[in-house]
Every structure is written in C-alpha cells, then in structure tokens.
C-alpha cells in the first residue's frame, strides 16, 4: 500500500469502500457485529497481521502457557510490525477475552495501527482511554484460556465471517471495519477517494434543498457543476 493510499483511506468511509469493492465483485468485506471501543481514537488503517484461535482444551490451556515465549498470542503482540493491524479470529466467541489492556497497550507502544477481533476484549474501560483504535463485539472479562487456544500467526483467517489474508488492508471508522484485498488496495483507495469528494458535493447540495434525481447519480449538468465546485473548493 502506498503512503498516498493510506492518507486516502483515512478520509474514506467504510460505506463508500464497500461500494467500491462491490463494483469489483467483492460482496463480503465488512466485518459485521463489531464496534470501536474508543470513539475518540484515530481512524484504523493498516495491513493485517493475523492470529487464529481454536476452541480451548483443558490439558493445554492453563496459566502456565504464558511463560512460553513462543505462545502465539504473546509472540504476536511482540512481533506485529509497526503500522500493521493485529486481527484476531475468535470464532465470534465472546465467552472469554481475546486480549486485554496490557497487550493492547503494548501493541500501541510498539507502533501498531490498531487491533480487531470478532470476539471480545477485557479491561475495556482502560482500552477506551487509549488513543489506539480497538474493535470488538462485546466486553468479556474471563481470560482467553477459558475458551480460546492460540494456534497460528500471520495465516489466512476468518474474522466475523470475512476472509482476512496477511497484508490485506484493514480500514475502520465509526461504523465498523472493512477488509480491502491487498492487490487492489491502491486502486480502490483512488476510486473511493474520488467518490468521497463527489459525495461531499452531493451532501452540500442536498443540505441546500436539492433533490437527488439528476444529482445522485449525476446527469451531465451535475457533473459539470461538480467540476466547478471542486475547482472552487480546491478538492
């Protein structure tokens, strides 16, 4: 992903992105059922670094496993590259936490771009105070070991029934998170940014009392008006 694309993704809504992806045949890109814990945090934009949980088993998942530095959850937090988003496949299971405040804080301090799970986090009041985008389905106080066994790092996963491949671009706003396939990220950023500028123009005209016919989608006259508006507003 180009730096210019990252800047554009920061200005594009997830709604506009899903439409741009749909035009390319991608229908299942929005991770449903999750929300941002900390509304005041920055936008979420970055390549995916993934982790996968399977159901826990009592003989394998006990507190002693965290002493093993190769434990995928702990290893992943220490190895997730700066600028990447830590994405966790929790099988939509919120019965136990996917991570907590200490690990989320560590990711923030290491320069990660955010964290996403289709499960739940613990210590959510503390996470809500961090300037770090964190998305989950519901708060969950119990330790991950009760329900989750971490098995894989940086492999294809499912998150909220959406396929996430390592390096796919995760984009999150107040509505949720979209997964943009890495190989089309730059072209999607360009097109969706153009659509965002146009929709800003449309919103302004609708606020002035204009109807949508001939405006959205635009007829030739509206296209010419948009070009003049864009030039005047240096957009």
C-alpha atoms as a PDB file:
ATOM      1  CA  UNK A   1       0.000   0.000   0.000  1.00  0.00           C
ATOM      2  CA  UNK A   2       1.339   3.404  -0.996  1.00  0.00           C
ATOM      3  CA  UNK A   3       1.631   6.178   1.587  1.00  0.00           C
ATOM      4  CA  UNK A   4      -0.772   8.218  -0.527  1.00  0.00           C
ATOM      5  CA  UNK A   5      -3.291   5.369  -0.334  1.00  0.00           C
ATOM      6  CA  UNK A   6      -3.040   5.309   3.455  1.00  0.00           C
ATOM      7  CA  UNK A   7      -3.854   9.026   3.513  1.00  0.00           C
ATOM      8  CA  UNK A   8      -6.840   8.458   1.237  1.00  0.00           C
ATOM      9  CA  UNK A   9      -8.154   5.544   3.291  1.00  0.00           C
ATOM     10  CA  UNK A  10      -8.094   7.835   6.315  1.00  0.00           C
ATOM     11  CA  UNK A  11     -10.605  10.073   4.531  1.00  0.00           C
ATOM     12  CA  UNK A  12     -12.924   7.370   3.127  1.00  0.00           C
ATOM     13  CA  UNK A  13     -15.909   5.905   4.961  1.00  0.00           C
ATOM     14  CA  UNK A  14     -16.338   2.167   5.248  1.00  0.00           C
ATOM     15  CA  UNK A  15     -19.690   2.623   3.491  1.00  0.00           C
ATOM     16  CA  UNK A  16     -18.015   4.092   0.417  1.00  0.00           C
ATOM     17  CA  UNK A  17     -15.360   1.383   0.476  1.00  0.00           C
ATOM     18  CA  UNK A  18     -17.921  -1.422   0.470  1.00  0.00           C
ATOM     19  CA  UNK A  19     -19.494   0.106  -2.641  1.00  0.00           C
ATOM     20  CA  UNK A  20     -16.137   0.415  -4.411  1.00  0.00           C
ATOM     21  CA  UNK A  21     -15.412  -3.220  -3.576  1.00  0.00           C
ATOM     22  CA  UNK A  22     -18.870  -4.344  -4.679  1.00  0.00           C
ATOM     23  CA  UNK A  23     -18.206  -2.768  -8.097  1.00  0.00           C
ATOM     24  CA  UNK A  24     -15.279  -5.182  -8.338  1.00  0.00           C
ATOM     25  CA  UNK A  25     -17.395  -8.178  -7.335  1.00  0.00           C
ATOM     26  CA  UNK A  26     -16.499  -8.308  -3.635  1.00  0.00           C
ATOM     27  CA  UNK A  27     -19.665  -8.703  -1.541  1.00  0.00           C
ATOM     28  CA  UNK A  28     -18.324  -9.921   1.809  1.00  0.00           C
ATOM     29  CA  UNK A  29     -15.813  -7.356   3.054  1.00  0.00           C
ATOM     30  CA  UNK A  30     -17.469  -5.694   6.085  1.00  0.00           C
ATOM     31  CA  UNK A  31     -16.853  -7.325   9.473  1.00  0.00           C
ATOM     32  CA  UNK A  32     -20.346  -7.265  10.927  1.00  0.00           C
ATOM     33  CA  UNK A  33     -21.163  -7.193  14.619  1.00  0.00           C
ATOM     34  CA  UNK A  34     -18.128  -5.324  15.920  1.00  0.00           C
ATOM     35  CA  UNK A  35     -17.619  -1.733  17.061  1.00  0.00           C
ATOM     36  CA  UNK A  36     -14.834   0.587  18.150  1.00  0.00           C
ATOM     37  CA  UNK A  37     -14.336   0.629  21.923  1.00  0.00           C
ATOM     38  CA  UNK A  38     -12.731   4.073  21.961  1.00  0.00           C
ATOM     39  CA  UNK A  39     -14.652   6.520  19.726  1.00  0.00           C
ATOM     40  CA  UNK A  40     -12.015   9.205  20.249  1.00  0.00           C
ATOM     41  CA  UNK A  41      -9.232   7.052  18.820  1.00  0.00           C
ATOM     42  CA  UNK A  42      -7.740   7.707  15.370  1.00  0.00           C
ATOM     43  CA  UNK A  43      -9.050   6.006  12.240  1.00  0.00           C
ATOM     44  CA  UNK A  44      -7.907   2.434  11.682  1.00  0.00           C
ATOM     45  CA  UNK A  45      -5.789   1.911   8.561  1.00  0.00           C
ATOM     46  CA  UNK A  46      -3.077  -0.672   8.047  1.00  0.00           C
ATOM     47  CA  UNK A  47      -2.107  -4.099   6.684  1.00  0.00           C
ATOM     48  CA  UNK A  48      -3.410  -7.114   8.566  1.00  0.00           C
ATOM     49  CA  UNK A  49      -1.187  -9.180  10.844  1.00  0.00           C
ATOM     50  CA  UNK A  50      -3.357 -12.138  11.844  1.00  0.00           C
ATOM     51  CA  UNK A  51      -3.797 -14.584  14.703  1.00  0.00           C
ATOM     52  CA  UNK A  52      -6.143 -17.573  14.872  1.00  0.00           C
ATOM     53  CA  UNK A  53      -7.839 -19.138  17.873  1.00  0.00           C
ATOM     54  CA  UNK A  54      -9.439 -22.569  18.039  1.00  0.00           C
ATOM     55  CA  UNK A  55     -11.511 -23.821  20.996  1.00  0.00           C
ATOM     56  CA  UNK A  56      -9.531 -24.287  24.209  1.00  0.00           C
ATOM     57  CA  UNK A  57      -8.739 -27.681  25.703  1.00  0.00           C
ATOM     58  CA  UNK A  58      -8.246 -28.091  29.445  1.00  0.00           C
ATOM     59  CA  UNK A  59      -4.977 -30.035  29.311  1.00  0.00           C
ATOM     60  CA  UNK A  60      -3.343 -27.466  27.009  1.00  0.00           C
ATOM     61  CA  UNK A  61      -4.726 -24.129  28.119  1.00  0.00           C
ATOM     62  CA  UNK A  62      -3.644 -23.171  31.624  1.00  0.00           C
ATOM     63  CA  UNK A  63      -1.957 -20.076  33.063  1.00  0.00           C
ATOM     64  CA  UNK A  64       1.490 -21.649  32.717  1.00  0.00           C
ATOM     65  CA  UNK A  65       1.387 -21.392  28.920  1.00  0.00           C
ATOM     66  CA  UNK A  66       2.083 -17.657  29.104  1.00  0.00           C
ATOM     67  CA  UNK A  67       5.607 -18.432  30.363  1.00  0.00           C
ATOM     68  CA  UNK A  68       6.368 -19.837  26.909  1.00  0.00           C
ATOM     69  CA  UNK A  69       7.699 -17.012  24.754  1.00  0.00           C
ATOM     70  CA  UNK A  70       6.523 -18.840  21.633  1.00  0.00           C
ATOM     71  CA  UNK A  71       2.888 -18.676  22.750  1.00  0.00           C
ATOM     72  CA  UNK A  72       1.202 -17.222  19.628  1.00  0.00           C
ATOM     73  CA  UNK A  73      -0.798 -14.552  21.449  1.00  0.00           C
ATOM     74  CA  UNK A  74       2.219 -13.148  23.309  1.00  0.00           C
ATOM     75  CA  UNK A  75       4.632 -13.687  20.407  1.00  0.00           C
ATOM     76  CA  UNK A  76       2.229 -11.962  18.022  1.00  0.00           C
ATOM     77  CA  UNK A  77       1.958  -8.884  20.222  1.00  0.00           C
ATOM     78  CA  UNK A  78       5.753  -8.609  20.281  1.00  0.00           C
ATOM     79  CA  UNK A  79       6.182  -9.260  16.550  1.00  0.00           C
ATOM     80  CA  UNK A  80       3.288  -7.407  14.908  1.00  0.00           C
ATOM     81  CA  UNK A  81       5.056  -4.909  12.628  1.00  0.00           C
ATOM     82  CA  UNK A  82       4.643  -1.177  13.200  1.00  0.00           C
ATOM     83  CA  UNK A  83       1.821   0.262  11.129  1.00  0.00           C
ATOM     84  CA  UNK A  84       0.006  -3.086  10.961  1.00  0.00           C
ATOM     85  CA  UNK A  85      -3.344  -4.071  12.433  1.00  0.00           C
ATOM     86  CA  UNK A  86      -3.455  -7.087  14.747  1.00  0.00           C
ATOM     87  CA  UNK A  87      -6.503  -9.069  13.569  1.00  0.00           C
ATOM     88  CA  UNK A  88      -7.795 -11.974  15.679  1.00  0.00           C
ATOM     89  CA  UNK A  89     -10.058 -14.799  14.593  1.00  0.00           C
ATOM     90  CA  UNK A  90     -12.021 -15.578  17.780  1.00  0.00           C
ATOM     91  CA  UNK A  91     -14.776 -17.568  16.037  1.00  0.00           C
ATOM     92  CA  UNK A  92     -17.253 -14.853  17.102  1.00  0.00           C
ATOM     93  CA  UNK A  93     -16.961 -16.209  20.639  1.00  0.00           C
ATOM     94  CA  UNK A  94     -17.159 -13.554  23.346  1.00  0.00           C
ATOM     95  CA  UNK A  95     -17.305 -16.006  26.278  1.00  0.00           C
ATOM     96  CA  UNK A  96     -13.652 -15.230  27.006  1.00  0.00           C
ATOM     97  CA  UNK A  97     -11.391 -12.322  26.158  1.00  0.00           C
ATOM     98  CA  UNK A  98      -9.285 -12.311  23.011  1.00  0.00           C
ATOM     99  CA  UNK A  99      -6.830  -9.932  24.727  1.00  0.00           C
ATOM    100  CA  UNK A 100      -6.743  -7.291  27.439  1.00  0.00           C
ATOM    101  CA  UNK A 101      -5.491  -3.809  28.203  1.00  0.00           C
ATOM    102  CA  UNK A 102      -1.827  -4.722  28.800  1.00  0.00           C
ATOM    103  CA  UNK A 103      -1.443  -6.446  25.435  1.00  0.00           C
ATOM    104  CA  UNK A 104      -3.405  -3.749  23.622  1.00  0.00           C
ATOM    105  CA  UNK A 105      -1.235  -1.078  25.255  1.00  0.00           C
ATOM    106  CA  UNK A 106       1.887  -2.963  24.213  1.00  0.00           C
ATOM    107  CA  UNK A 107       0.709  -3.002  20.602  1.00  0.00           C
ATOM    108  CA  UNK A 108       0.057   0.739  20.756  1.00  0.00           C
ATOM    109  CA  UNK A 109       3.507   1.434  22.222  1.00  0.00           C
ATOM    110  CA  UNK A 110       5.136  -0.726  19.549  1.00  0.00           C
ATOM    111  CA  UNK A 111       3.549   1.383  16.802  1.00  0.00           C
ATOM    112  CA  UNK A 112       0.787  -0.935  15.621  1.00  0.00           C
ATOM    113  CA  UNK A 113      -2.111   0.719  13.800  1.00  0.00           C
ATOM    114  CA  UNK A 114      -4.899  -0.978  15.773  1.00  0.00           C
ATOM    115  CA  UNK A 115      -6.469  -4.254  16.865  1.00  0.00           C
ATOM    116  CA  UNK A 116      -9.601  -6.049  15.637  1.00  0.00           C
ATOM    117  CA  UNK A 117     -11.393  -9.190  16.792  1.00  0.00           C
ATOM    118  CA  UNK A 118     -14.772 -10.768  16.179  1.00  0.00           C
ATOM    119  CA  UNK A 119     -14.699 -11.795  19.851  1.00  0.00           C
ATOM    120  CA  UNK A 120     -14.312  -9.585  22.901  1.00  0.00           C
ATOM    121  CA  UNK A 121     -11.662  -7.767  24.902  1.00  0.00           C
ATOM    122  CA  UNK A 122     -11.311  -7.475  28.656  1.00  0.00           C
ATOM    123  CA  UNK A 123     -10.314  -4.308  30.556  1.00  0.00           C
ATOM    124  CA  UNK A 124     -12.454  -2.307  28.153  1.00  0.00           C
ATOM    125  CA  UNK A 125     -12.737   0.808  30.387  1.00  0.00           C
ATOM    126  CA  UNK A 126      -8.940   1.103  30.222  1.00  0.00           C
ATOM    127  CA  UNK A 127      -8.793   0.345  26.494  1.00  0.00           C
ATOM    128  CA  UNK A 128     -11.430   3.028  25.925  1.00  0.00           C
ATOM    129  CA  UNK A 129      -8.966   5.595  27.265  1.00  0.00           C
ATOM    130  CA  UNK A 130      -6.187   4.658  24.832  1.00  0.00           C
ATOM    131  CA  UNK A 131      -5.582   6.720  21.656  1.00  0.00           C
ATOM    132  CA  UNK A 132      -5.484   3.441  19.760  1.00  0.00           C
ATOM    133  CA  UNK A 133      -8.326   2.002  17.626  1.00  0.00           C
ATOM    134  CA  UNK A 134      -9.667  -1.251  19.072  1.00  0.00           C
ATOM    135  CA  UNK A 135     -12.681  -3.064  17.616  1.00  0.00           C
ATOM    136  CA  UNK A 136     -14.570  -5.976  19.169  1.00  0.00           C
ATOM    137  CA  UNK A 137     -18.045  -7.471  19.516  1.00  0.00           C
ATOM    138  CA  UNK A 138     -18.609  -7.281  23.290  1.00  0.00           C
ATOM    139  CA  UNK A 139     -16.720  -6.891  26.550  1.00  0.00           C
ATOM    140  CA  UNK A 140     -15.529 -10.165  28.050  1.00  0.00           C
ATOM    141  CA  UNK A 141     -13.811 -10.353  31.434  1.00  0.00           C
ATOM    142  CA  UNK A 142     -12.668 -14.034  31.530  1.00  0.00           C
ATOM    143  CA  UNK A 143      -9.151 -14.889  30.398  1.00  0.00           C
ATOM    144  CA  UNK A 144      -8.778 -16.178  26.860  1.00  0.00           C
ATOM    145  CA  UNK A 145      -7.643 -19.590  28.114  1.00  0.00           C
ATOM    146  CA  UNK A 146     -11.184 -20.495  29.162  1.00  0.00           C
ATOM    147  CA  UNK A 147     -12.411 -20.592  25.546  1.00  0.00           C
ATOM    148  CA  UNK A 148      -9.518 -19.866  23.164  1.00  0.00           C
ATOM    149  CA  UNK A 149      -6.375 -21.723  22.135  1.00  0.00           C
ATOM    150  CA  UNK A 150      -3.988 -19.631  20.011  1.00  0.00           C
ATOM    151  CA  UNK A 151      -2.548 -21.718  17.177  1.00  0.00           C
ATOM    152  CA  UNK A 152      -1.414 -19.631  14.219  1.00  0.00           C
ATOM    153  CA  UNK A 153       0.185 -16.305  13.371  1.00  0.00           C
ATOM    154  CA  UNK A 154       0.025 -14.472  10.060  1.00  0.00           C
ATOM    155  CA  UNK A 155      -2.065 -17.022   8.173  1.00  0.00           C
ATOM    156  CA  UNK A 156      -5.415 -16.545   6.404  1.00  0.00           C
ATOM    157  CA  UNK A 157      -8.222 -16.295   8.957  1.00  0.00           C
ATOM    158  CA  UNK A 158     -11.907 -15.553   9.247  1.00  0.00           C
ATOM    159  CA  UNK A 159     -12.939 -12.505  11.241  1.00  0.00           C
ATOM    160  CA  UNK A 160     -16.677 -12.009  11.538  1.00  0.00           C
ATOM    161  CA  UNK A 161     -17.133 -14.422   8.613  1.00  0.00           C
ATOM    162  CA  UNK A 162     -14.906 -12.255   6.386  1.00  0.00           C
ATOM    163  CA  UNK A 163     -11.714 -13.717   4.927  1.00  0.00           C
ATOM    164  CA  UNK A 164      -8.608 -11.821   6.045  1.00  0.00           C
ATOM    165  CA  UNK A 165      -5.274 -12.600   4.433  1.00  0.00           C
ATOM    166  CA  UNK A 166      -1.996 -11.283   5.869  1.00  0.00           C
ATOM    167  CA  UNK A 167      -1.309  -7.917   4.278  1.00  0.00           C
ATOM    168  CA  UNK A 168      -4.939  -7.141   3.410  1.00  0.00           C
ATOM    169  CA  UNK A 169      -5.729  -3.532   4.259  1.00  0.00           C
ATOM    170  CA  UNK A 170      -7.972  -3.039   7.282  1.00  0.00           C
ATOM    171  CA  UNK A 171      -9.934   0.223   7.307  1.00  0.00           C
ATOM    172  CA  UNK A 172     -12.082   1.184  10.270  1.00  0.00           C
ATOM    173  CA  UNK A 173     -14.292   4.128  11.180  1.00  0.00           C
ATOM    174  CA  UNK A 174     -17.241   4.759  13.486  1.00  0.00           C
ATOM    175  CA  UNK A 175     -19.351   2.269  11.541  1.00  0.00           C
ATOM    176  CA  UNK A 176     -17.022  -0.711  11.602  1.00  0.00           C
ATOM    177  CA  UNK A 177     -14.158  -2.355   9.700  1.00  0.00           C
ATOM    178  CA  UNK A 178     -13.727  -3.232   6.020  1.00  0.00           C
ATOM    179  CA  UNK A 179     -11.157  -5.646   4.602  1.00  0.00           C
ATOM    180  CA  UNK A 180      -9.608  -4.496   1.308  1.00  0.00           C
ATOM    181  CA  UNK A 181      -7.681  -7.195  -0.605  1.00  0.00           C
ATOM    182  CA  UNK A 182      -4.051  -6.123  -0.747  1.00  0.00           C
ATOM    183  CA  UNK A 183      -3.608  -6.480  -4.514  1.00  0.00           C
ATOM    184  CA  UNK A 184      -6.325  -3.895  -5.297  1.00  0.00           C
ATOM    185  CA  UNK A 185      -5.827  -1.574  -2.323  1.00  0.00           C
ATOM    186  CA  UNK A 186      -4.227   1.317  -4.187  1.00  0.00           C
ATOM    187  CA  UNK A 187      -6.784   1.413  -6.998  1.00  0.00           C
ATOM    188  CA  UNK A 188      -9.665   1.110  -4.522  1.00  0.00           C
ATOM    189  CA  UNK A 189      -8.215   3.967  -2.468  1.00  0.00           C
ATOM    190  CA  UNK A 190      -8.042   6.177  -5.564  1.00  0.00           C
ATOM    191  CA  UNK A 191     -11.571   5.431  -6.735  1.00  0.00           C
ATOM    192  CA  UNK A 192     -13.202   5.597  -3.297  1.00  0.00           C
ATOM    193  CA  UNK A 193     -11.472   8.891  -2.541  1.00  0.00           C
ATOM    194  CA  UNK A 194     -12.880  10.374  -5.756  1.00  0.00           C
ATOM    195  CA  UNK A 195     -16.318   9.100  -4.782  1.00  0.00           C
ATOM    196  CA  UNK A 196     -15.930  10.648  -1.328  1.00  0.00           C
ATOM    197  CA  UNK A 197     -15.205  14.076  -2.803  1.00  0.00           C
ATOM    198  CA  UNK A 198     -18.209  13.772  -5.102  1.00  0.00           C
ATOM    199  CA  UNK A 199     -20.487  12.711  -2.238  1.00  0.00           C
ATOM    200  CA  UNK A 200     -19.310  15.695  -0.193  1.00  0.00           C
ATOM    201  CA  UNK A 201     -20.549  17.864  -3.070  1.00  0.00           C
ATOM    202  CA  UNK A 202     -23.855  15.970  -3.199  1.00  0.00           C
ATOM    203  CA  UNK A 203     -24.362  16.264   0.557  1.00  0.00           C
ATOM    204  CA  UNK A 204     -23.811  20.012   0.360  1.00  0.00           C
ATOM    205  CA  UNK A 205     -26.399  20.356  -2.403  1.00  0.00           C
ATOM    206  CA  UNK A 206     -28.934  18.159  -0.590  1.00  0.00           C
ATOM    207  CA  UNK A 207     -28.491  20.270   2.534  1.00  0.00           C
ATOM    208  CA  UNK A 208     -29.350  23.273   0.350  1.00  0.00           C
ATOM    209  CA  UNK A 209     -32.650  21.571  -0.535  1.00  0.00           C
ATOM    210  CA  UNK A 210     -31.806  19.922  -3.877  1.00  0.00           C
ATOM    211  CA  UNK A 211     -33.482  16.671  -4.919  1.00  0.00           C
ATOM    212  CA  UNK A 212     -31.424  13.625  -5.766  1.00  0.00           C
ATOM    213  CA  UNK A 213     -32.714  12.999  -9.322  1.00  0.00           C
ATOM    214  CA  UNK A 214     -30.062  14.057 -11.789  1.00  0.00           C
ATOM    215  CA  UNK A 215     -27.686  14.691  -8.894  1.00  0.00           C
ATOM    216  CA  UNK A 216     -27.096  11.282  -7.363  1.00  0.00           C
ATOM    217  CA  UNK A 217     -26.231   9.587  -9.668  1.00  0.00           C
ATOM    218  CA  UNK A 218     -25.247  12.675 -11.640  1.00  0.00           C
ATOM    219  CA  UNK A 219     -26.550  13.753 -15.028  1.00  0.00           C
ATOM    220  CA  UNK A 220     -24.264  15.705 -17.360  1.00  0.00           C
ATOM    221  CA  UNK A 221     -25.273  19.059 -15.861  1.00  0.00           C
ATOM    222  CA  UNK A 222     -24.494  17.875 -12.326  1.00  0.00           C
ATOM    223  CA  UNK A 223     -21.109  16.558 -13.453  1.00  0.00           C
ATOM    224  CA  UNK A 224     -20.235  19.976 -14.842  1.00  0.00           C
ATOM    225  CA  UNK A 225     -21.450  21.648 -11.654  1.00  0.00           C
ATOM    226  CA  UNK A 226     -19.338  19.267  -9.586  1.00  0.00           C
ATOM    227  CA  UNK A 227     -16.232  20.093 -11.642  1.00  0.00           C
ATOM    228  CA  UNK A 228     -16.778  23.808 -10.969  1.00  0.00           C
ATOM    229  CA  UNK A 229     -17.423  23.135  -7.266  1.00  0.00           C
ATOM    230  CA  UNK A 230     -14.295  21.043  -6.962  1.00  0.00           C
ATOM    231  CA  UNK A 231     -12.117  23.662  -8.604  1.00  0.00           C
ATOM    232  CA  UNK A 232     -13.559  26.403  -6.390  1.00  0.00           C
ATOM    233  CA  UNK A 233     -13.042  24.317  -3.244  1.00  0.00           C
ATOM    234  CA  UNK A 234      -9.611  23.026  -4.313  1.00  0.00           C
ATOM    235  CA  UNK A 235     -10.676  19.409  -3.714  1.00  0.00           C
END
